[in-house]
Amino acid sequence: MMLWSRTLHAGGVDDERLRADYTTAAHYMARMEPFTYPALRTVLPPAWQPHLLAAFAFAGRTDDLADLPPTRRHSGGFHVWAEQTEHGLTTGSSTHSLLRAFLHTVAVNGVPHAHVRDYLAGQARNLSFVGFATDEDYYRCLDSVAVPYLTLICSSRRPGATNRVSHSLLGLVADAAQRVDDLADLAADLRVGRLHFPHTTLTRFGVTRADLESGHQTPAVRAFVTYACRQARAVLDIAQDALRHADAEEQLLLYPSLVAKQHLLGGIERQGADITRRTVTLNILPSPTELLGGTLRTLHARMRVATTYARP
């Protein structure tokens, strides 16, 4: 892991005030994403890191303000943040340190303002989320929130990166990650009144929200969880296969996330219907085969990615 001061230089961040802003974004990510931060700092090219951390921090801050449980929902903070962002896109400046870092990344890496606005618009719709009636509702939410998020992240890594983003691949990765996270967070979501599984799917198995909230492992609940795990596993396998055919930069940026979701899903499958009562955390002890395979694939992608992007 390169020293942070040298990483900022590699990313072209030499102005003292901006260096402090990017450091604020990095600290935010380290605090909010203790698993993601060290992986990003270790695996990705140093020239990408300040910009990706700024984009992750911006997206994380936005999500924190929008993705509130129904019991604590209010939109004031999100709308103020969205207005600050829009003002920053127009003027190129902000009084908020984290936002300043992100706006600089948008400017120097040529991130289309439409990507930022699409992400904000999706999160604004997320403010009124109460659940999905059908699978179609789930996919509409995926297209309006999760895919714009990945598009924004991928386009922030370096100048010209927007031309290399594959929308279909991002859709598969977003779908796989969302399905795994929805299973892992099922117990926590139920406690605050959220449920991310379509009503039609629950009805197919004769399961109600009350059944899930009670934590009773009935045959219907077990059948539903088994089905949801198999569905998540299938989508994850498809996404990983698609990523094998992507370019090296997309592999390097997206593969570690899918490896983490694979390990997380393994823990969910072992826990079974008990996920209605206990939140599942990341399995940090993968099998030797998974660990070796994931490490080799990531290293191969890193070797293929232009370390020439790093400044001397």
Protein backbone atom coordinates (compact mmCIF):
# COMPACT_ATOMS: atom_id res chain seq x y z
CA MET A 1 0.00 0.00 0.00
CA MET A 2 1.56 3.28 -1.13
CA LEU A 3 1.82 6.12 1.36
CA TRP A 4 -1.24 8.36 1.12
CA SER A 5 0.81 11.47 0.28
CA ARG A 6 2.37 9.67 -2.69
CA THR A 7 -1.00 8.27 -3.71
CA LEU A 8 -2.41 11.79 -3.88
CA HIS A 9 0.51 12.83 -6.07
CA ALA A 10 -0.04 9.80 -8.32
CA GLY A 11 -3.65 10.90 -8.72
CA GLY A 12 -2.62 14.42 -9.67
CA VAL A 13 -3.80 16.00 -6.42
CA ASP A 14 -1.08 18.46 -5.45
CA ASP A 15 -2.99 21.51 -4.22
CA GLU A 16 -2.84 21.58 -0.41
CA ARG A 17 -6.51 22.36 0.12
CA LEU A 18 -7.57 19.61 -2.29
CA ARG A 19 -5.22 17.15 -0.62
CA ALA A 20 -7.00 17.88 2.66
CA ASP A 21 -10.39 17.40 0.95
CA TYR A 22 -9.40 14.04 -0.51
CA THR A 23 -8.02 12.99 2.85
CA THR A 24 -11.42 13.80 4.37
CA ALA A 25 -13.06 11.56 1.76
CA ALA A 26 -10.57 8.77 2.47
CA HIS A 27 -11.21 8.99 6.22
CA TYR A 28 -14.95 8.86 5.58
CA MET A 29 -14.55 5.70 3.53
CA ALA A 30 -12.23 4.07 6.04
CA ARG A 31 -14.80 4.68 8.77
CA MET A 32 -17.90 3.71 6.81
CA GLU A 33 -16.45 0.80 4.77
CA PRO A 34 -13.75 -0.91 6.84
CA PHE A 35 -13.60 -3.89 4.44
CA THR A 36 -13.75 -1.96 1.16
CA TYR A 37 -11.20 0.71 2.07
CA PRO A 38 -8.11 -1.49 2.60
CA ALA A 39 -8.96 -3.58 -0.47
CA LEU A 40 -9.22 -0.46 -2.60
CA ARG A 41 -5.99 0.98 -1.20
CA THR A 42 -4.13 -2.31 -1.73
CA VAL A 43 -5.36 -3.58 -5.07
CA LEU A 44 -6.13 -0.60 -7.30
CA PRO A 45 -3.57 1.57 -9.11
CA PRO A 46 -2.51 4.53 -6.95
CA ALA A 47 -3.52 7.01 -9.67
CA TRP A 48 -7.12 5.83 -9.40
CA GLN A 49 -7.38 5.71 -5.63
CA PRO A 50 -7.98 9.37 -4.62
CA HIS A 51 -10.67 9.74 -7.28
CA LEU A 52 -12.43 6.47 -6.50
CA LEU A 53 -12.38 7.22 -2.79
CA ALA A 54 -13.92 10.63 -3.48
CA ALA A 55 -16.62 9.03 -5.66
CA PHE A 56 -17.32 6.28 -3.13
CA ALA A 57 -17.53 8.86 -0.34
CA PHE A 58 -19.92 11.06 -2.32
CA ALA A 59 -22.13 8.08 -3.19
CA GLY A 60 -22.01 6.79 0.38
CA ARG A 61 -22.97 10.16 1.83
CA THR A 62 -25.85 10.40 -0.66
CA ASP A 63 -27.05 6.90 0.16
CA ASP A 64 -26.89 7.59 3.91
CA LEU A 65 -29.22 10.55 3.46
CA ALA A 66 -31.65 8.77 1.13
CA ASP A 67 -31.78 5.16 2.33
CA LEU A 68 -33.47 5.75 5.67
CA PRO A 69 -35.88 3.20 7.18
CA PRO A 70 -39.59 4.11 7.07
CA THR A 71 -39.57 4.62 10.83
CA ARG A 72 -37.00 7.45 10.58
CA ARG A 73 -37.65 8.76 7.09
CA HIS A 74 -37.28 12.45 6.30
CA SER A 75 -36.11 14.00 3.06
CA GLY A 76 -34.79 17.38 4.19
CA GLY A 77 -31.16 16.40 4.53
CA PHE A 78 -31.08 14.61 1.19
CA HIS A 79 -32.62 17.51 -0.71
CA VAL A 80 -30.16 19.99 0.81
CA TRP A 81 -27.30 17.68 -0.23
CA ALA A 82 -28.72 17.30 -3.75
CA GLU A 83 -29.00 21.07 -4.08
CA GLN A 84 -25.43 21.53 -2.87
CA THR A 85 -24.26 19.00 -5.45
CA GLU A 86 -26.19 20.64 -8.28
CA HIS A 87 -24.77 24.03 -7.30
CA GLY A 88 -21.31 22.49 -7.26
CA LEU A 89 -21.73 20.98 -10.71
CA THR A 90 -22.79 24.40 -12.01
CA THR A 91 -20.13 26.48 -10.29
CA GLY A 92 -17.34 23.94 -9.78
CA SER A 93 -17.05 24.80 -6.10
CA SER A 94 -18.54 23.93 -2.72
CA THR A 95 -18.16 24.72 0.95
CA HIS A 96 -18.31 21.00 1.80
CA SER A 97 -14.89 19.31 1.90
CA LEU A 98 -16.07 15.88 0.76
CA LEU A 99 -18.08 17.39 -2.08
CA ARG A 100 -15.15 19.55 -3.18
CA ALA A 101 -12.99 16.46 -3.62
CA PHE A 102 -15.68 14.75 -5.68
CA LEU A 103 -16.29 17.82 -7.85
CA HIS A 104 -12.57 18.00 -8.60
CA THR A 105 -12.63 14.36 -9.68
CA VAL A 106 -15.65 15.07 -11.88
CA ALA A 107 -13.78 17.94 -13.51
CA VAL A 108 -10.35 16.38 -14.07
CA ASN A 109 -11.61 12.95 -15.10
CA GLY A 110 -14.40 14.24 -17.29
CA VAL A 111 -17.21 12.48 -15.44
CA PRO A 112 -20.43 13.38 -17.28
CA HIS A 113 -22.69 15.49 -15.09
CA ALA A 114 -25.54 13.29 -16.31
CA HIS A 115 -24.03 10.36 -14.37
CA VAL A 116 -24.13 12.39 -11.16
CA ARG A 117 -27.67 13.62 -11.79
CA ASP A 118 -28.90 10.13 -12.69
CA TYR A 119 -27.57 8.81 -9.39
CA LEU A 120 -29.17 11.64 -7.41
CA ALA A 121 -32.49 11.15 -9.23
CA GLY A 122 -32.47 7.44 -8.42
CA GLN A 123 -31.78 8.10 -4.77
CA ALA A 124 -34.56 10.71 -4.70
CA ARG A 125 -37.00 8.01 -5.87
CA ASN A 126 -35.58 5.72 -3.19
CA LEU A 127 -36.87 8.15 -0.55
CA SER A 128 -40.40 6.81 -1.05
CA PHE A 129 -39.45 3.13 -1.10
CA VAL A 130 -41.95 0.91 0.70
CA GLY A 131 -41.35 -2.41 -1.03
CA PHE A 132 -41.68 -4.19 -4.37
CA ALA A 133 -44.96 -5.57 -5.65
CA THR A 134 -43.40 -7.51 -8.53
CA ASP A 135 -40.04 -8.52 -10.02
CA GLU A 136 -40.49 -5.72 -12.54
CA ASP A 137 -40.54 -3.20 -9.69
CA TYR A 138 -37.28 -4.66 -8.39
CA TYR A 139 -35.57 -4.34 -11.76
CA ARG A 140 -36.81 -0.77 -12.21
CA CYS A 141 -35.25 0.13 -8.86
CA LEU A 142 -32.03 -1.64 -9.85
CA ASP A 143 -31.84 0.37 -13.08
CA SER A 144 -32.57 3.67 -11.35
CA VAL A 145 -30.35 3.32 -8.26
CA ALA A 146 -27.78 0.50 -8.36
CA VAL A 147 -26.68 0.75 -12.00
CA PRO A 148 -26.24 4.57 -11.89
CA TYR A 149 -24.17 4.06 -8.72
CA LEU A 150 -21.76 1.66 -10.45
CA THR A 151 -21.69 3.84 -13.57
CA LEU A 152 -20.68 6.83 -11.46
CA ILE A 153 -17.96 4.88 -9.65
CA CYS A 154 -16.49 3.35 -12.81
CA SER A 155 -16.45 6.65 -14.67
CA SER A 156 -14.57 8.37 -11.83
CA ARG A 157 -11.42 6.27 -11.86
CA ARG A 158 -9.47 8.13 -14.56
CA PRO A 159 -9.89 10.51 -17.51
CA GLY A 160 -11.88 8.94 -20.35
CA ALA A 161 -13.09 6.00 -18.30
CA THR A 162 -16.72 6.65 -19.24
CA ASN A 163 -16.07 5.31 -22.72
CA ARG A 164 -15.21 1.88 -21.33
CA VAL A 165 -18.20 1.29 -19.06
CA SER A 166 -20.35 -1.67 -20.13
CA HIS A 167 -23.94 -1.01 -19.09
CA SER A 168 -24.98 -4.66 -19.42
CA LEU A 169 -22.09 -5.83 -17.26
CA LEU A 170 -22.84 -3.22 -14.60
CA GLY A 171 -26.46 -4.40 -14.58
CA LEU A 172 -25.38 -7.99 -13.87
CA VAL A 173 -22.92 -6.94 -11.15
CA ALA A 174 -25.52 -4.66 -9.54
CA ASP A 175 -28.14 -7.43 -9.61
CA ALA A 176 -25.78 -9.98 -8.04
CA ALA A 177 -24.61 -7.61 -5.31
CA GLN A 178 -28.15 -6.45 -4.50
CA ARG A 179 -29.54 -9.98 -4.18
CA VAL A 180 -26.76 -11.04 -1.82
CA ASP A 181 -27.03 -7.88 0.28
CA ASP A 182 -30.83 -8.21 0.54
CA LEU A 183 -30.40 -11.69 2.00
CA ALA A 184 -27.59 -10.68 4.35
CA ASP A 185 -29.53 -7.67 5.64
CA LEU A 186 -32.95 -9.34 5.82
CA ALA A 187 -33.11 -9.45 9.62
CA ALA A 188 -31.91 -5.85 10.04
CA ASP A 189 -34.28 -4.60 7.33
CA LEU A 190 -37.26 -6.35 8.91
CA ARG A 191 -36.53 -4.69 12.25
CA VAL A 192 -36.90 -1.23 10.72
CA GLY A 193 -39.86 -1.99 8.49
CA ARG A 194 -38.13 -2.65 5.16
CA LEU A 195 -38.50 -5.66 2.88
CA HIS A 196 -36.71 -5.86 -0.46
CA PHE A 197 -38.26 -9.06 -1.80
CA PRO A 198 -41.20 -8.73 -4.22
CA HIS A 199 -44.63 -9.47 -2.81
CA THR A 200 -45.32 -11.84 -5.70
CA THR A 201 -42.30 -13.97 -4.73
CA LEU A 202 -43.45 -14.23 -1.11
CA THR A 203 -46.96 -15.12 -2.23
CA ARG A 204 -45.61 -17.91 -4.45
CA PHE A 205 -44.21 -19.60 -1.35
CA GLY A 206 -47.13 -18.74 0.91
CA VAL A 207 -44.94 -16.47 3.06
CA THR A 208 -46.05 -13.18 4.60
CA ARG A 209 -44.06 -10.29 6.05
CA ALA A 210 -45.37 -11.33 9.49
CA ASP A 211 -43.91 -14.82 8.96
CA LEU A 212 -40.48 -13.34 8.29
CA GLU A 213 -40.70 -10.81 11.13
CA SER A 214 -41.59 -13.56 13.61
CA GLY A 215 -38.35 -15.40 12.82
CA HIS A 216 -40.17 -18.74 12.79
CA GLN A 217 -38.46 -21.21 10.48
CA THR A 218 -41.55 -22.71 8.93
CA PRO A 219 -41.31 -25.00 5.86
CA ALA A 220 -42.59 -22.12 3.70
CA VAL A 221 -39.95 -19.71 5.04
CA ARG A 222 -37.20 -22.28 4.54
CA ALA A 223 -38.36 -22.91 0.96
CA PHE A 224 -38.41 -19.17 0.24
CA VAL A 225 -34.90 -18.62 1.63
CA THR A 226 -33.55 -21.62 -0.29
CA TYR A 227 -35.06 -20.25 -3.50
CA ALA A 228 -33.69 -16.73 -2.88
CA CYS A 229 -30.21 -18.13 -2.21
CA ARG A 230 -30.26 -20.21 -5.39
CA GLN A 231 -31.42 -17.21 -7.37
CA ALA A 232 -28.64 -15.04 -5.91
CA ARG A 233 -26.07 -17.76 -6.62
CA ALA A 234 -27.23 -18.09 -10.24
CA VAL A 235 -27.05 -14.33 -10.89
CA LEU A 236 -23.66 -14.13 -9.15
CA ASP A 237 -22.28 -16.94 -11.34
CA ILE A 238 -23.58 -15.21 -14.49
CA ALA A 239 -22.03 -11.89 -13.43
CA GLN A 240 -18.66 -13.50 -12.69
CA ASP A 241 -18.68 -15.29 -16.04
CA ALA A 242 -19.50 -12.04 -17.84
CA LEU A 243 -16.70 -10.26 -16.00
CA ARG A 244 -14.19 -12.84 -17.27
CA HIS A 245 -14.79 -11.47 -20.76
CA ALA A 246 -14.59 -7.80 -19.75
CA ASP A 247 -11.53 -5.60 -20.17
CA ALA A 248 -8.81 -5.63 -17.55
CA GLU A 249 -9.84 -2.33 -15.95
CA GLU A 250 -13.42 -3.47 -15.36
CA GLN A 251 -12.16 -6.78 -13.98
CA LEU A 252 -9.81 -5.06 -11.57
CA LEU A 253 -12.47 -2.63 -10.38
CA LEU A 254 -15.43 -5.02 -10.10
CA TYR A 255 -14.04 -8.50 -9.44
CA PRO A 256 -13.02 -7.96 -5.77
CA SER A 257 -16.60 -6.92 -4.98
CA LEU A 258 -18.00 -10.09 -6.56
CA VAL A 259 -15.49 -12.22 -4.65
CA ALA A 260 -16.67 -10.60 -1.40
CA LYS A 261 -20.31 -11.26 -2.35
CA GLN A 262 -19.44 -14.88 -3.11
CA HIS A 263 -17.98 -15.33 0.38
CA LEU A 264 -20.92 -13.52 1.94
CA LEU A 265 -23.41 -15.71 0.09
CA GLY A 266 -21.62 -18.80 1.37
CA GLY A 267 -22.28 -17.63 4.93
CA ILE A 268 -25.92 -16.94 4.09
CA GLU A 269 -26.37 -20.42 2.62
CA ARG A 270 -24.89 -22.00 5.73
CA GLN A 271 -27.16 -19.94 7.98
CA GLY A 272 -30.30 -20.77 5.99
CA ALA A 273 -33.66 -19.58 7.27
CA ASP A 274 -31.98 -18.23 10.39
CA ILE A 275 -31.17 -15.10 8.33
CA THR A 276 -34.63 -13.85 9.34
CA ARG A 277 -33.28 -13.53 12.89
CA ARG A 278 -29.58 -12.75 12.47
CA THR A 279 -27.79 -10.40 10.09
CA VAL A 280 -25.07 -12.18 8.14
CA THR A 281 -21.61 -10.62 8.09
CA LEU A 282 -18.82 -11.06 5.59
CA ASN A 283 -17.10 -14.43 5.77
CA ILE A 284 -13.46 -13.38 5.98
CA LEU A 285 -12.19 -16.98 6.00
CA PRO A 286 -12.73 -18.17 2.41
CA SER A 287 -11.66 -21.62 1.28
CA PRO A 288 -8.06 -21.95 0.01
CA THR A 289 -9.41 -22.51 -3.52
CA GLU A 290 -11.55 -19.36 -3.41
CA LEU A 291 -8.73 -17.31 -1.91
CA LEU A 292 -6.14 -18.50 -4.44
CA GLY A 293 -8.47 -18.12 -7.40
CA GLY A 294 -9.60 -14.66 -6.39
CA THR A 295 -6.06 -13.49 -5.68
CA LEU A 296 -4.67 -14.78 -8.96
CA ARG A 297 -7.48 -13.28 -11.02
CA THR A 298 -7.13 -9.90 -9.34
CA LEU A 299 -3.33 -9.89 -9.74
CA HIS A 300 -3.65 -10.88 -13.40
CA ALA A 301 -6.05 -8.02 -14.04
CA ARG A 302 -3.82 -5.60 -12.16
CA MET A 303 -0.81 -6.57 -14.27
CA ARG A 304 -2.84 -5.91 -17.41
CA VAL A 305 -4.10 -2.54 -16.23
CA ALA A 306 -1.97 0.41 -17.21
CA THR A 307 0.31 1.17 -14.34
CA THR A 308 1.30 3.84 -16.83
CA TYR A 309 -1.64 5.83 -15.44
CA ALA A 310 0.42 6.49 -12.33
CA ARG A 311 2.43 9.68 -12.37
CA PRO A 312 6.16 9.44 -11.63
